[in-house]
């Protein structure tokens, strides 16, 4: 069903069936003049506001919020730091841990350059569980 909005109350957006519009046209109903076909909704998160669609800005996160969202809270980061020290002491390394370390270094560098919240942080290359499992396996070999 297409969306129509009321000409006198532009915040009133309704799905009016085409059959109703056709009926109003066929009988020359004055209600037809009260409703205007709304433009198509430009995105799923768009919100109707007084005669036009508003697209909200993308969500943004601080560096800390993003790290938490990706599964790397402060406890996880300390755990990885500890595991990295154990790998260094054992003369071993982990591809996944190195990738996560490089990722967190990038987040920290970006934060240091501009601490404002962002919507375009990169995703973690590996999850915390996956990374720690690999490190424990390497340390046990």
N, C-alpha and C. Protein backbone atom coordinates (compact mmCIF):
# COMPACT_ATOMS: atom_id res chain seq x y z
N UNK A 1 0.84 -1.18 0.00
CA UNK A 1 0.00 0.00 0.00
C UNK A 1 0.88 1.24 0.00
N UNK A 2 0.53 2.20 -0.81
CA UNK A 2 1.32 3.44 -0.80
C UNK A 2 1.00 4.30 0.41
N UNK A 3 1.97 5.07 0.80
CA UNK A 3 1.79 6.01 1.90
C UNK A 3 1.26 7.34 1.37
N UNK A 4 0.29 7.89 2.08
CA UNK A 4 -0.23 9.22 1.77
C UNK A 4 -0.15 10.04 3.05
N UNK A 5 0.05 11.34 2.88
CA UNK A 5 0.02 12.21 4.05
C UNK A 5 -1.03 13.28 3.86
N UNK A 6 -1.54 13.74 4.98
CA UNK A 6 -2.62 14.71 5.00
C UNK A 6 -2.06 16.10 4.69
N UNK A 7 -2.69 16.78 3.76
CA UNK A 7 -2.23 18.10 3.33
C UNK A 7 -2.28 19.14 4.46
N UNK A 8 -3.28 19.05 5.33
CA UNK A 8 -3.43 20.03 6.41
C UNK A 8 -2.70 19.61 7.69
N UNK A 9 -2.45 18.32 7.83
CA UNK A 9 -1.71 17.82 8.99
C UNK A 9 -0.61 16.91 8.45
N UNK A 10 0.51 17.50 8.06
CA UNK A 10 1.54 16.75 7.34
C UNK A 10 2.23 15.67 8.17
N UNK A 11 2.00 15.67 9.49
CA UNK A 11 2.56 14.59 10.30
C UNK A 11 1.70 13.33 10.23
N UNK A 12 0.51 13.44 9.64
CA UNK A 12 -0.43 12.31 9.52
C UNK A 12 -0.10 11.51 8.26
N UNK A 13 0.64 10.44 8.43
CA UNK A 13 1.03 9.55 7.33
C UNK A 13 0.26 8.26 7.45
N UNK A 14 -0.36 7.84 6.36
CA UNK A 14 -1.17 6.61 6.40
C UNK A 14 -0.95 5.76 5.16
N UNK A 15 -1.09 4.46 5.37
CA UNK A 15 -1.13 3.53 4.24
C UNK A 15 -2.58 3.49 3.77
N UNK A 16 -2.84 4.07 2.62
CA UNK A 16 -4.19 4.05 2.07
C UNK A 16 -4.22 3.06 0.92
N UNK A 17 -5.15 2.12 0.95
CA UNK A 17 -5.20 1.14 -0.14
C UNK A 17 -5.53 1.83 -1.47
N UNK A 18 -4.91 1.34 -2.51
CA UNK A 18 -5.15 1.91 -3.84
C UNK A 18 -6.62 1.83 -4.21
N UNK A 19 -7.31 0.80 -3.74
CA UNK A 19 -8.74 0.67 -4.04
C UNK A 19 -9.53 1.84 -3.46
N UNK A 20 -9.13 2.33 -2.27
CA UNK A 20 -9.80 3.48 -1.68
C UNK A 20 -9.54 4.74 -2.51
N UNK A 21 -8.31 4.93 -2.92
CA UNK A 21 -7.97 6.08 -3.76
C UNK A 21 -8.75 6.02 -5.07
N UNK A 22 -8.81 4.83 -5.66
CA UNK A 22 -9.56 4.65 -6.92
C UNK A 22 -11.04 4.98 -6.72
N UNK A 23 -11.60 4.54 -5.60
CA UNK A 23 -13.01 4.83 -5.31
C UNK A 23 -13.22 6.32 -5.15
N UNK A 24 -12.36 6.98 -4.40
CA UNK A 24 -12.48 8.43 -4.22
C UNK A 24 -12.41 9.14 -5.57
N UNK A 25 -11.51 8.68 -6.44
CA UNK A 25 -11.40 9.30 -7.76
C UNK A 25 -12.66 9.09 -8.59
N UNK A 26 -13.19 7.86 -8.54
CA UNK A 26 -14.36 7.55 -9.37
C UNK A 26 -15.61 8.32 -8.95
N UNK A 27 -15.74 8.65 -7.67
CA UNK A 27 -16.93 9.38 -7.19
C UNK A 27 -16.61 10.86 -6.95
N UNK A 28 -15.39 11.26 -7.31
CA UNK A 28 -14.97 12.65 -7.14
C UNK A 28 -15.10 13.11 -5.69
N UNK A 29 -14.66 12.25 -4.77
CA UNK A 29 -14.73 12.53 -3.34
C UNK A 29 -13.73 13.63 -2.98
N UNK A 30 -14.16 14.69 -2.29
CA UNK A 30 -13.23 15.78 -1.93
C UNK A 30 -12.11 15.34 -0.99
N UNK A 31 -12.27 14.19 -0.32
CA UNK A 31 -11.20 13.70 0.55
C UNK A 31 -9.92 13.44 -0.24
N UNK A 32 -10.08 13.11 -1.51
CA UNK A 32 -8.92 12.84 -2.34
C UNK A 32 -7.98 14.06 -2.38
N UNK A 33 -8.53 15.24 -2.32
CA UNK A 33 -7.74 16.47 -2.36
C UNK A 33 -6.99 16.71 -1.05
N UNK A 34 -7.40 16.02 0.03
CA UNK A 34 -6.76 16.19 1.33
C UNK A 34 -5.49 15.36 1.49
N UNK A 35 -5.28 14.38 0.62
CA UNK A 35 -4.17 13.45 0.77
C UNK A 35 -3.20 13.55 -0.40
N UNK A 36 -1.92 13.54 -0.07
CA UNK A 36 -0.85 13.63 -1.06
C UNK A 36 0.00 12.37 -0.98
N UNK A 37 0.32 11.82 -2.13
CA UNK A 37 1.17 10.63 -2.17
C UNK A 37 2.55 10.98 -1.61
N UNK A 38 2.95 10.23 -0.61
CA UNK A 38 4.26 10.47 0.01
C UNK A 38 5.36 9.84 -0.84
N UNK A 39 6.53 10.43 -0.83
CA UNK A 39 7.65 9.79 -1.52
C UNK A 39 7.98 8.45 -0.85
N UNK A 40 8.60 7.57 -1.60
CA UNK A 40 8.97 6.26 -1.07
C UNK A 40 9.91 6.43 0.12
N UNK A 41 9.79 5.55 1.09
CA UNK A 41 10.66 5.58 2.27
C UNK A 41 12.10 5.30 1.80
N UNK A 42 13.02 6.24 2.05
CA UNK A 42 14.36 6.10 1.49
C UNK A 42 15.24 5.04 2.15
N UNK A 43 14.93 4.68 3.40
CA UNK A 43 15.70 3.65 4.09
C UNK A 43 14.82 3.07 5.20
N UNK A 44 15.12 1.85 5.65
CA UNK A 44 14.29 1.21 6.67
C UNK A 44 14.22 1.99 7.99
N UNK A 45 15.26 2.76 8.29
CA UNK A 45 15.26 3.48 9.56
C UNK A 45 14.77 4.93 9.43
N UNK A 46 14.30 5.32 8.23
CA UNK A 46 13.79 6.68 8.03
C UNK A 46 12.51 6.88 8.83
N UNK A 47 12.29 8.11 9.30
CA UNK A 47 11.14 8.46 10.12
C UNK A 47 10.40 9.60 9.44
N UNK A 48 9.06 9.49 9.40
CA UNK A 48 8.24 10.53 8.79
C UNK A 48 8.14 11.72 9.74
N UNK A 49 8.36 12.93 9.21
CA UNK A 49 8.27 14.12 10.04
C UNK A 49 7.73 15.28 9.22
N UNK A 50 6.47 15.62 9.48
CA UNK A 50 5.83 16.79 8.87
C UNK A 50 6.06 16.95 7.37
N UNK A 51 5.69 15.92 6.62
CA UNK A 51 5.72 16.03 5.17
C UNK A 51 6.96 15.55 4.48
N UNK A 52 7.92 15.02 5.23
CA UNK A 52 9.10 14.47 4.57
C UNK A 52 9.79 13.43 5.48
N UNK A 53 10.60 12.62 4.84
CA UNK A 53 11.32 11.58 5.56
C UNK A 53 12.60 12.15 6.15
N UNK A 54 12.90 11.74 7.37
CA UNK A 54 14.14 12.10 8.04
C UNK A 54 14.95 10.81 8.19
N UNK A 55 16.17 10.85 7.72
CA UNK A 55 17.06 9.69 7.88
C UNK A 55 17.98 10.00 9.05
N UNK A 56 17.85 9.24 10.14
CA UNK A 56 18.70 9.53 11.30
C UNK A 56 20.17 9.25 10.97
N UNK A 57 21.07 9.97 11.62
CA UNK A 57 22.48 9.70 11.38
C UNK A 57 22.83 8.30 11.88
N UNK A 58 23.86 7.70 11.31
CA UNK A 58 24.23 6.37 11.78
C UNK A 58 24.67 6.43 13.24
N UNK A 59 24.46 5.34 13.97
CA UNK A 59 24.89 5.35 15.37
C UNK A 59 26.40 5.54 15.45
N UNK A 60 26.85 6.13 16.53
CA UNK A 60 28.29 6.31 16.70
C UNK A 60 28.68 5.85 18.10
N UNK A 61 29.94 5.44 18.20
CA UNK A 61 30.45 4.90 19.46
C UNK A 61 31.79 5.54 19.78
N UNK A 62 32.07 5.65 21.08
CA UNK A 62 33.42 6.02 21.50
C UNK A 62 34.31 4.80 21.26
N UNK A 63 35.61 5.00 21.35
CA UNK A 63 36.54 3.89 21.17
C UNK A 63 36.25 2.79 22.20
N UNK A 64 36.04 3.17 23.44
CA UNK A 64 35.78 2.18 24.50
C UNK A 64 34.47 1.43 24.23
N UNK A 65 33.43 2.15 23.84
CA UNK A 65 32.15 1.50 23.55
C UNK A 65 32.30 0.52 22.39
N UNK A 66 33.09 0.92 21.37
CA UNK A 66 33.27 0.04 20.21
C UNK A 66 34.04 -1.23 20.60
N UNK A 67 35.10 -1.06 21.39
CA UNK A 67 35.85 -2.24 21.84
C UNK A 67 34.94 -3.17 22.63
N UNK A 68 34.12 -2.61 23.51
CA UNK A 68 33.16 -3.43 24.27
C UNK A 68 32.18 -4.13 23.34
N UNK A 69 31.66 -3.40 22.36
CA UNK A 69 30.69 -3.96 21.41
C UNK A 69 31.31 -5.13 20.65
N UNK A 70 32.59 -5.02 20.36
CA UNK A 70 33.27 -6.08 19.62
C UNK A 70 33.74 -7.23 20.52
N UNK A 71 33.46 -7.14 21.82
CA UNK A 71 33.79 -8.22 22.74
C UNK A 71 35.12 -8.04 23.46
N UNK A 72 35.67 -6.85 23.38
CA UNK A 72 36.97 -6.60 24.00
C UNK A 72 36.85 -5.52 25.07
N UNK A 73 36.26 -5.91 26.20
CA UNK A 73 36.20 -4.97 27.34
C UNK A 73 37.57 -4.92 28.00
N UNK A 74 37.69 -4.13 29.06
CA UNK A 74 39.01 -3.95 29.69
C UNK A 74 39.58 -5.26 30.23
N UNK A 75 38.74 -6.13 30.76
CA UNK A 75 39.23 -7.42 31.27
C UNK A 75 39.78 -8.28 30.14
N UNK A 76 39.08 -8.28 29.02
CA UNK A 76 39.55 -9.06 27.86
C UNK A 76 40.89 -8.52 27.36
N UNK A 77 41.02 -7.20 27.32
CA UNK A 77 42.28 -6.61 26.85
C UNK A 77 43.44 -6.93 27.78
N UNK A 78 43.20 -6.91 29.08
CA UNK A 78 44.25 -7.26 30.05
C UNK A 78 44.62 -8.74 29.89
N UNK A 79 43.62 -9.58 29.67
CA UNK A 79 43.88 -11.01 29.45
C UNK A 79 44.75 -11.22 28.23
N UNK A 80 44.44 -10.51 27.14
CA UNK A 80 45.25 -10.65 25.93
C UNK A 80 46.67 -10.12 26.15
N UNK A 81 46.80 -9.06 26.91
CA UNK A 81 48.12 -8.53 27.22
C UNK A 81 48.93 -9.57 27.99
N UNK A 82 48.29 -10.23 28.95
CA UNK A 82 48.95 -11.28 29.73
C UNK A 82 49.36 -12.45 28.83
N UNK A 83 48.43 -12.86 27.97
CA UNK A 83 48.74 -13.98 27.07
C UNK A 83 49.86 -13.61 26.10
N UNK A 84 49.88 -12.37 25.65
CA UNK A 84 50.95 -11.92 24.75
C UNK A 84 52.30 -12.00 25.46
N UNK A 85 52.34 -11.60 26.72
CA UNK A 85 53.58 -11.70 27.50
C UNK A 85 54.04 -13.15 27.63
N UNK A 86 53.09 -14.05 27.85
CA UNK A 86 53.44 -15.47 27.97
C UNK A 86 53.97 -16.02 26.65
N UNK A 87 53.37 -15.58 25.54
CA UNK A 87 53.86 -16.01 24.22
C UNK A 87 55.29 -15.50 23.99
N UNK A 88 55.53 -14.25 24.33
CA UNK A 88 56.88 -13.68 24.14
C UNK A 88 57.90 -14.44 24.99
N UNK A 89 57.52 -14.73 26.24
CA UNK A 89 58.43 -15.47 27.14
C UNK A 89 58.71 -16.87 26.61
N UNK A 90 57.74 -17.45 25.92
CA UNK A 90 57.92 -18.80 25.38
C UNK A 90 58.56 -18.78 23.99
N UNK A 91 58.79 -17.58 23.45
CA UNK A 91 59.38 -17.47 22.11
C UNK A 91 58.41 -17.88 21.02
N UNK A 92 57.12 -17.70 21.27
CA UNK A 92 56.09 -18.09 20.30
C UNK A 92 55.24 -16.88 19.93
N UNK A 93 54.42 -17.06 18.91
CA UNK A 93 53.51 -15.98 18.53
C UNK A 93 52.18 -16.56 18.03
N UNK A 94 51.19 -15.70 17.97
CA UNK A 94 49.85 -16.10 17.53
C UNK A 94 49.40 -15.15 16.44
N UNK A 95 49.02 -15.71 15.31
CA UNK A 95 48.54 -14.89 14.19
C UNK A 95 47.29 -14.12 14.60
N UNK A 96 46.38 -14.79 15.28
CA UNK A 96 45.13 -14.14 15.66
C UNK A 96 45.36 -13.05 16.71
N UNK A 97 46.20 -13.34 17.69
CA UNK A 97 46.48 -12.33 18.71
C UNK A 97 47.19 -11.13 18.09
N UNK A 98 48.11 -11.36 17.17
CA UNK A 98 48.79 -10.25 16.50
C UNK A 98 47.80 -9.41 15.69
N UNK A 99 46.85 -10.06 15.03
CA UNK A 99 45.84 -9.33 14.25
C UNK A 99 44.96 -8.48 15.17
N UNK A 100 44.56 -9.06 16.31
CA UNK A 100 43.73 -8.32 17.27
C UNK A 100 44.52 -7.17 17.87
N UNK A 101 45.79 -7.41 18.16
CA UNK A 101 46.65 -6.34 18.71
C UNK A 101 46.76 -5.19 17.70
N UNK A 102 46.99 -5.51 16.44
CA UNK A 102 47.07 -4.47 15.41
C UNK A 102 45.75 -3.71 15.29
N UNK A 103 44.64 -4.44 15.39
CA UNK A 103 43.32 -3.82 15.34
C UNK A 103 43.12 -2.85 16.51
N UNK A 104 43.43 -3.32 17.73
CA UNK A 104 43.26 -2.43 18.90
C UNK A 104 44.21 -1.24 18.82
N UNK A 105 45.43 -1.45 18.31
CA UNK A 105 46.36 -0.34 18.13
C UNK A 105 45.77 0.70 17.18
N UNK A 106 45.10 0.24 16.13
CA UNK A 106 44.46 1.15 15.18
C UNK A 106 43.33 1.94 15.81
N UNK A 107 42.53 1.27 16.64
CA UNK A 107 41.44 1.95 17.36
C UNK A 107 42.02 3.01 18.28
N UNK A 108 43.07 2.65 19.02
CA UNK A 108 43.69 3.59 19.97
C UNK A 108 44.31 4.77 19.23
N UNK A 109 44.97 4.52 18.11
CA UNK A 109 45.59 5.60 17.33
C UNK A 109 44.51 6.54 16.79
N UNK A 110 43.42 5.98 16.31
CA UNK A 110 42.32 6.81 15.80
C UNK A 110 41.72 7.64 16.92
N UNK A 111 41.55 7.03 18.09
CA UNK A 111 41.02 7.75 19.26
C UNK A 111 41.97 8.88 19.68
N UNK A 112 43.27 8.59 19.67
CA UNK A 112 44.25 9.62 20.06
C UNK A 112 44.21 10.81 19.11
N UNK A 113 43.99 10.54 17.83
CA UNK A 113 43.93 11.62 16.84
C UNK A 113 42.62 12.40 16.95
N UNK A 114 41.54 11.72 17.29
CA UNK A 114 40.23 12.37 17.39
C UNK A 114 39.35 11.56 18.34
N UNK A 115 39.19 12.01 19.58
CA UNK A 115 38.45 11.23 20.57
C UNK A 115 36.92 11.27 20.42
N UNK A 116 36.41 11.96 19.42
CA UNK A 116 34.96 12.03 19.28
C UNK A 116 34.40 10.68 18.83
N UNK A 117 33.13 10.39 19.18
CA UNK A 117 32.51 9.14 18.74
C UNK A 117 32.49 9.03 17.21
N UNK A 118 32.57 7.81 16.72
CA UNK A 118 32.60 7.56 15.28
C UNK A 118 31.59 6.47 14.91
N UNK A 119 31.22 6.46 13.65
CA UNK A 119 30.32 5.42 13.17
C UNK A 119 31.03 4.44 12.24
N UNK A 120 32.32 4.66 12.01
CA UNK A 120 33.03 3.84 11.02
C UNK A 120 34.23 3.08 11.58
N UNK A 121 34.15 2.68 12.85
CA UNK A 121 35.22 1.86 13.42
C UNK A 121 35.27 0.54 12.65
N UNK A 122 36.44 -0.05 12.56
CA UNK A 122 36.56 -1.36 11.90
C UNK A 122 36.21 -2.48 12.87
N UNK A 123 35.78 -3.59 12.33
CA UNK A 123 35.43 -4.75 13.15
C UNK A 123 36.67 -5.52 13.56
N UNK A 124 36.55 -6.19 14.71
CA UNK A 124 37.65 -7.02 15.20
C UNK A 124 37.90 -8.15 14.20
N UNK A 125 39.17 -8.46 13.94
CA UNK A 125 39.46 -9.52 12.98
C UNK A 125 39.08 -10.91 13.51
N UNK A 126 39.15 -11.08 14.83
CA UNK A 126 38.80 -12.35 15.47
C UNK A 126 38.11 -12.05 16.79
N UNK A 127 37.25 -12.95 17.21
CA UNK A 127 36.60 -12.80 18.50
C UNK A 127 37.54 -13.16 19.64
N UNK A 128 37.18 -12.70 20.83
CA UNK A 128 38.01 -12.94 22.01
C UNK A 128 38.20 -14.44 22.27
N UNK A 129 37.12 -15.20 22.25
CA UNK A 129 37.20 -16.63 22.52
C UNK A 129 38.08 -17.34 21.50
N UNK A 130 37.87 -17.04 20.24
CA UNK A 130 38.66 -17.64 19.17
C UNK A 130 40.15 -17.32 19.34
N UNK A 131 40.44 -16.10 19.69
CA UNK A 131 41.83 -15.68 19.86
C UNK A 131 42.48 -16.36 21.06
N UNK A 132 41.78 -16.38 22.18
CA UNK A 132 42.37 -17.00 23.38
C UNK A 132 42.55 -18.50 23.21
N UNK A 133 41.62 -19.15 22.52
CA UNK A 133 41.77 -20.59 22.28
C UNK A 133 43.04 -20.87 21.48
N UNK A 134 43.29 -20.05 20.46
CA UNK A 134 44.50 -20.25 19.66
C UNK A 134 45.75 -20.06 20.52
N UNK A 135 45.76 -19.02 21.35
CA UNK A 135 46.94 -18.74 22.18
C UNK A 135 47.18 -19.87 23.18
N UNK A 136 46.11 -20.35 23.82
CA UNK A 136 46.26 -21.44 24.79
C UNK A 136 46.77 -22.69 24.09
N UNK A 137 46.29 -22.94 22.86
CA UNK A 137 46.75 -24.10 22.11
C UNK A 137 48.24 -23.96 21.78
N UNK A 138 48.66 -22.77 21.37
CA UNK A 138 50.07 -22.53 21.05
C UNK A 138 50.94 -22.67 22.28
N UNK A 139 50.49 -22.13 23.40
CA UNK A 139 51.27 -22.21 24.64
C UNK A 139 51.37 -23.66 25.13
N UNK A 140 50.36 -24.47 24.83
CA UNK A 140 50.36 -25.86 25.28
C UNK A 140 51.17 -26.78 24.38
N UNK A 141 51.59 -26.27 23.22
CA UNK A 141 52.32 -27.16 22.29
C UNK A 141 53.80 -27.09 22.49
